[in-house]
Protein backbone atom coordinates (compact mmCIF):
# COMPACT_ATOMS: atom_id res chain seq x y z
CA UNK A 1 -24.21 12.89 -20.76
CA UNK A 2 -21.52 10.17 -20.78
CA UNK A 3 -18.77 12.80 -20.94
CA UNK A 4 -20.32 14.57 -17.95
CA UNK A 5 -20.46 11.29 -15.97
CA UNK A 6 -16.88 10.53 -16.97
CA UNK A 7 -15.74 13.96 -15.75
CA UNK A 8 -17.50 13.42 -12.43
CA UNK A 9 -15.93 9.98 -12.07
CA UNK A 10 -12.50 11.33 -13.01
CA UNK A 11 -12.87 14.10 -10.43
CA UNK A 12 -13.86 11.61 -7.71
CA UNK A 13 -10.91 9.37 -8.57
CA UNK A 14 -8.52 12.33 -8.33
CA UNK A 15 -10.03 13.26 -4.95
CA UNK A 16 -9.63 9.67 -3.75
CA UNK A 17 -5.98 9.62 -4.88
CA UNK A 18 -5.35 12.92 -3.09
CA UNK A 19 -6.96 11.50 0.06
CA UNK A 20 -4.87 8.31 -0.18
CA UNK A 21 -1.69 10.36 -0.52
CA UNK A 22 -2.73 12.50 2.46
CA UNK A 23 -3.36 9.36 4.54
CA UNK A 24 0.01 7.93 3.50
CA UNK A 25 1.76 11.13 4.63
CA UNK A 26 -0.15 11.06 7.92
CA UNK A 27 0.71 7.38 8.38
CA UNK A 28 4.43 8.10 7.89
CA UNK A 29 4.18 11.03 10.30
CA UNK A 30 2.36 8.96 12.93
CA UNK A 31 4.83 6.09 12.59
CA UNK A 32 7.67 8.55 13.03
CA UNK A 33 6.05 10.06 16.12
CA UNK A 34 5.35 6.62 17.60
CA UNK A 35 8.95 5.55 16.96
CA UNK A 36 10.32 8.76 18.48
CA UNK A 37 8.10 8.31 21.52
CA UNK A 38 9.13 4.68 21.89
CA UNK A 39 12.85 5.43 21.74
CA UNK A 40 13.09 8.77 23.51
CA UNK A 41 13.66 8.68 27.27
CA UNK A 42 12.46 12.23 27.94
CA UNK A 43 9.33 12.31 25.80
CA UNK A 44 5.74 11.67 26.74
CA UNK A 45 4.84 8.08 26.03
CA UNK A 46 1.78 7.00 24.09
CA UNK A 47 -0.62 4.93 26.14
CA UNK A 48 -0.56 1.97 23.77
CA UNK A 49 1.03 -1.24 24.82
CA UNK A 50 3.13 -2.75 22.06
CA UNK A 51 0.33 -5.15 21.06
CA UNK A 52 -2.20 -2.33 20.61
CA UNK A 53 0.33 -0.20 18.73
CA UNK A 54 1.14 -3.11 16.45
CA UNK A 55 -2.56 -3.82 15.82
CA UNK A 56 -3.25 -0.14 15.11
CA UNK A 57 -0.40 0.10 12.61
CA UNK A 58 -1.47 -3.16 10.98
CA UNK A 59 -5.04 -1.87 10.55
CA UNK A 60 -3.77 1.40 9.08
CA UNK A 61 -1.58 -0.57 6.66
CA UNK A 62 -4.53 -2.79 5.68
CA UNK A 63 -6.74 0.25 5.01
CA UNK A 64 -4.04 1.87 2.89
CA UNK A 65 -3.58 -1.34 0.90
CA UNK A 66 -7.32 -1.44 0.18
CA UNK A 67 -7.29 2.21 -0.86
CA UNK A 68 -4.27 1.61 -3.10
CA UNK A 69 -6.26 -0.99 -5.03
CA UNK A 70 -9.05 1.49 -5.83
């Protein structure tokens, strides 16, 4: 029974790590898109003022830091 529980736990940890890595890739992609939008004159701008954008990125970073500790 313990081996079965361990296997389930191991599987859930691997899934969590995969999800963290996916979120990290998405975060990098979103940061890149936000930076491109902020610096490009001909692109569509995102309707975040700099304060909201900064707060959003900070919250994403905080969530990723929490997930990294798991």
